[in-house]
Amino acid sequence: MTKSELFAVMVGGLASIAGASLAGYVGFGIPLPYLIAASFMAVP
């Protein structure tokens, strides 16, 4: 597996984990616009 293929697999995996955790927070009742705003504020 080349470096670019490994990178693509890792990005896909981490994105799916992030999406699942975002859905979990929405399931707890946190408003989605708040979560999206927090995601943008957390960008380095």
PDB file of N, CA and C in Angstrom:
ATOM      1  N   MET A   1       0.851  -1.171   0.000  1.00  0.00           N
ATOM      2  CA  MET A   1       0.000   0.000   0.000  1.00  0.00           C
ATOM      3  C   MET A   1       0.904   1.244   0.000  1.00  0.00           C
ATOM      4  N   THR A   2       0.620   2.158  -0.890  1.00  0.00           N
ATOM      5  CA  THR A   2       1.438   3.363  -0.968  1.00  0.00           C
ATOM      6  C   THR A   2       1.047   4.335   0.150  1.00  0.00           C
ATOM      7  N   LYS A   3       1.867   5.352   0.324  1.00  0.00           N
ATOM      8  CA  LYS A   3       1.573   6.338   1.363  1.00  0.00           C
ATOM      9  C   LYS A   3       0.255   7.058   1.103  1.00  0.00           C
ATOM     10  N   SER A   4      -0.005   7.362  -0.161  1.00  0.00           N
ATOM     11  CA  SER A   4      -1.248   8.077  -0.466  1.00  0.00           C
ATOM     12  C   SER A   4      -2.474   7.194  -0.224  1.00  0.00           C
ATOM     13  N   GLU A   5      -2.368   5.915  -0.519  1.00  0.00           N
ATOM     14  CA  GLU A   5      -3.487   5.006  -0.259  1.00  0.00           C
ATOM     15  C   GLU A   5      -3.716   4.853   1.240  1.00  0.00           C
ATOM     16  N   LEU A   6      -2.643   4.723   1.999  1.00  0.00           N
ATOM     17  CA  LEU A   6      -2.762   4.617   3.450  1.00  0.00           C
ATOM     18  C   LEU A   6      -3.388   5.882   4.031  1.00  0.00           C
ATOM     19  N   PHE A   7      -2.962   7.027   3.522  1.00  0.00           N
ATOM     20  CA  PHE A   7      -3.530   8.298   3.976  1.00  0.00           C
ATOM     21  C   PHE A   7      -5.025   8.365   3.681  1.00  0.00           C
ATOM     22  N   ALA A   8      -5.427   7.929   2.494  1.00  0.00           N
ATOM     23  CA  ALA A   8      -6.840   7.951   2.125  1.00  0.00           C
ATOM     24  C   ALA A   8      -7.661   7.041   3.036  1.00  0.00           C
ATOM     25  N   VAL A   9      -7.129   5.876   3.375  1.00  0.00           N
ATOM     26  CA  VAL A   9      -7.835   4.956   4.269  1.00  0.00           C
ATOM     27  C   VAL A   9      -7.961   5.560   5.662  1.00  0.00           C
ATOM     28  N   MET A  10      -6.886   6.180   6.144  1.00  0.00           N
ATOM     29  CA  MET A  10      -6.923   6.772   7.482  1.00  0.00           C
ATOM     30  C   MET A  10      -7.891   7.955   7.547  1.00  0.00           C
ATOM     31  N   VAL A  11      -7.900   8.785   6.514  1.00  0.00           N
ATOM     32  CA  VAL A  11      -8.815   9.927   6.494  1.00  0.00           C
ATOM     33  C   VAL A  11     -10.261   9.443   6.465  1.00  0.00           C
ATOM     34  N   GLY A  12     -10.542   8.434   5.657  1.00  0.00           N
ATOM     35  CA  GLY A  12     -11.896   7.892   5.604  1.00  0.00           C
ATOM     36  C   GLY A  12     -12.336   7.304   6.933  1.00  0.00           C
ATOM     37  N   GLY A  13     -11.439   6.593   7.586  1.00  0.00           N
ATOM     38  CA  GLY A  13     -11.768   6.007   8.884  1.00  0.00           C
ATOM     39  C   GLY A  13     -12.027   7.055   9.945  1.00  0.00           C
ATOM     40  N   LEU A  14     -11.158   8.049  10.016  1.00  0.00           N
ATOM     41  CA  LEU A  14     -11.337   9.097  11.020  1.00  0.00           C
ATOM     42  C   LEU A  14     -12.578   9.940  10.735  1.00  0.00           C
ATOM     43  N   ALA A  15     -12.894  10.152   9.462  1.00  0.00           N
ATOM     44  CA  ALA A  15     -14.100  10.914   9.124  1.00  0.00           C
ATOM     45  C   ALA A  15     -15.357  10.154   9.539  1.00  0.00           C
ATOM     46  N   SER A  16     -15.346   8.838   9.378  1.00  0.00           N
ATOM     47  CA  SER A  16     -16.525   8.068   9.781  1.00  0.00           C
ATOM     48  C   SER A  16     -16.683   8.064  11.299  1.00  0.00           C
ATOM     49  N   ILE A  17     -15.572   8.026  12.027  1.00  0.00           N
ATOM     50  CA  ILE A  17     -15.641   8.102  13.490  1.00  0.00           C
ATOM     51  C   ILE A  17     -16.172   9.464  13.921  1.00  0.00           C
ATOM     52  N   ALA A  18     -15.692  10.527  13.272  1.00  0.00           N
ATOM     53  CA  ALA A  18     -16.156  11.872  13.616  1.00  0.00           C
ATOM     54  C   ALA A  18     -17.643  12.027  13.319  1.00  0.00           C
ATOM     55  N   GLY A  19     -18.092  11.477  12.212  1.00  0.00           N
ATOM     56  CA  GLY A  19     -19.512  11.552  11.882  1.00  0.00           C
ATOM     57  C   GLY A  19     -20.368  10.796  12.878  1.00  0.00           C
ATOM     58  N   ALA A  20     -19.878   9.655  13.328  1.00  0.00           N
ATOM     59  CA  ALA A  20     -20.636   8.871  14.304  1.00  0.00           C
ATOM     60  C   ALA A  20     -20.708   9.591  15.647  1.00  0.00           C
ATOM     61  N   SER A  21     -19.618  10.220  16.062  1.00  0.00           N
ATOM     62  CA  SER A  21     -19.652  10.947  17.331  1.00  0.00           C
ATOM     63  C   SER A  21     -20.540  12.186  17.225  1.00  0.00           C
ATOM     64  N   LEU A  22     -20.542  12.838  16.061  1.00  0.00           N
ATOM     65  CA  LEU A  22     -21.430  13.982  15.854  1.00  0.00           C
ATOM     66  C   LEU A  22     -22.887  13.539  15.948  1.00  0.00           C
ATOM     67  N   ALA A  23     -23.207  12.412  15.346  1.00  0.00           N
ATOM     68  CA  ALA A  23     -24.570  11.887  15.430  1.00  0.00           C
ATOM     69  C   ALA A  23     -24.928  11.517  16.871  1.00  0.00           C
ATOM     70  N   GLY A  24     -23.952  11.019  17.610  1.00  0.00           N
ATOM     71  CA  GLY A  24     -24.197  10.702  19.018  1.00  0.00           C
ATOM     72  C   GLY A  24     -24.518  11.933  19.843  1.00  0.00           C
ATOM     73  N   TYR A  25     -23.778  13.018  19.606  1.00  0.00           N
ATOM     74  CA  TYR A  25     -24.060  14.261  20.324  1.00  0.00           C
ATOM     75  C   TYR A  25     -25.436  14.816  19.963  1.00  0.00           C
ATOM     76  N   VAL A  26     -25.805  14.711  18.698  1.00  0.00           N
ATOM     77  CA  VAL A  26     -27.143  15.150  18.288  1.00  0.00           C
ATOM     78  C   VAL A  26     -28.192  14.274  18.973  1.00  0.00           C
ATOM     79  N   GLY A  27     -27.885  12.991  19.116  1.00  0.00           N
ATOM     80  CA  GLY A  27     -28.802  12.094  19.807  1.00  0.00           C
ATOM     81  C   GLY A  27     -28.986  12.446  21.275  1.00  0.00           C
ATOM     82  N   PHE A  28     -27.965  13.045  21.890  1.00  0.00           N
ATOM     83  CA  PHE A  28     -28.080  13.488  23.280  1.00  0.00           C
ATOM     84  C   PHE A  28     -28.895  14.767  23.412  1.00  0.00           C
ATOM     85  N   GLY A  29     -29.216  15.398  22.269  1.00  0.00           N
ATOM     86  CA  GLY A  29     -30.062  16.580  22.311  1.00  0.00           C
ATOM     87  C   GLY A  29     -29.334  17.892  22.116  1.00  0.00           C
ATOM     88  N   ILE A  30     -28.057  17.853  21.781  1.00  0.00           N
ATOM     89  CA  ILE A  30     -27.315  19.088  21.526  1.00  0.00           C
ATOM     90  C   ILE A  30     -27.681  19.574  20.124  1.00  0.00           C
ATOM     91  N   PRO A  31     -28.051  20.839  19.985  1.00  0.00           N
ATOM     92  CA  PRO A  31     -28.452  21.359  18.661  1.00  0.00           C
ATOM     93  C   PRO A  31     -27.308  21.277  17.649  1.00  0.00           C
ATOM     94  N   LEU A  32     -27.629  20.837  16.451  1.00  0.00           N
ATOM     95  CA  LEU A  32     -26.626  20.657  15.404  1.00  0.00           C
ATOM     96  C   LEU A  32     -25.900  21.950  15.040  1.00  0.00           C
ATOM     97  N   PRO A  33     -26.576  23.109  14.962  1.00  0.00           N
ATOM     98  CA  PRO A  33     -25.816  24.339  14.648  1.00  0.00           C
ATOM     99  C   PRO A  33     -24.733  24.648  15.681  1.00  0.00           C
ATOM    100  N   TYR A  34     -24.970  24.305  16.955  1.00  0.00           N
ATOM    101  CA  TYR A  34     -23.949  24.521  17.980  1.00  0.00           C
ATOM    102  C   TYR A  34     -22.739  23.630  17.720  1.00  0.00           C
ATOM    103  N   LEU A  35     -22.995  22.388  17.330  1.00  0.00           N
ATOM    104  CA  LEU A  35     -21.897  21.460  17.075  1.00  0.00           C
ATOM    105  C   LEU A  35     -21.092  21.872  15.848  1.00  0.00           C
ATOM    106  N   ILE A  36     -21.775  22.350  14.820  1.00  0.00           N
ATOM    107  CA  ILE A  36     -21.071  22.801  13.618  1.00  0.00           C
ATOM    108  C   ILE A  36     -20.233  24.031  13.937  1.00  0.00           C
ATOM    109  N   ALA A  37     -20.785  24.957  14.723  1.00  0.00           N
ATOM    110  CA  ALA A  37     -20.021  26.145  15.113  1.00  0.00           C
ATOM    111  C   ALA A  37     -18.804  25.759  15.944  1.00  0.00           C
ATOM    112  N   ALA A  38     -18.960  24.803  16.843  1.00  0.00           N
ATOM    113  CA  ALA A  38     -17.831  24.355  17.654  1.00  0.00           C
ATOM    114  C   ALA A  38     -16.773  23.681  16.793  1.00  0.00           C
ATOM    115  N   SER A  39     -17.191  22.970  15.760  1.00  0.00           N
ATOM    116  CA  SER A  39     -16.234  22.334  14.860  1.00  0.00           C
ATOM    117  C   SER A  39     -15.407  23.376  14.121  1.00  0.00           C
ATOM    118  N   PHE A  40     -16.046  24.454  13.670  1.00  0.00           N
ATOM    119  CA  PHE A  40     -15.307  25.511  12.979  1.00  0.00           C
ATOM    120  C   PHE A  40     -14.383  26.267  13.928  1.00  0.00           C
ATOM    121  N   MET A  41     -14.812  26.441  15.176  1.00  0.00           N
ATOM    122  CA  MET A  41     -13.964  27.148  16.134  1.00  0.00           C
ATOM    123  C   MET A  41     -12.765  26.312  16.561  1.00  0.00           C
ATOM    124  N   ALA A  42     -12.854  24.995  16.433  1.00  0.00           N
ATOM    125  CA  ALA A  42     -11.766  24.118  16.850  1.00  0.00           C
ATOM    126  C   ALA A  42     -10.698  23.941  15.783  1.00  0.00           C
ATOM    127  N   VAL A  43     -10.917  24.482  14.590  1.00  0.00           N
ATOM    128  CA  VAL A  43      -9.929  24.346  13.516  1.00  0.00           C
ATOM    129  C   VAL A  43      -8.689  25.140  13.894  1.00  0.00           C
ATOM    130  N   PRO A  44      -7.524  24.505  13.828  1.00  0.00           N
ATOM    131  CA  PRO A  44      -6.300  25.239  14.223  1.00  0.00           C
ATOM    132  C   PRO A  44      -5.915  26.332  13.254  1.00  0.00           C
TER     133      PRO A  44
END
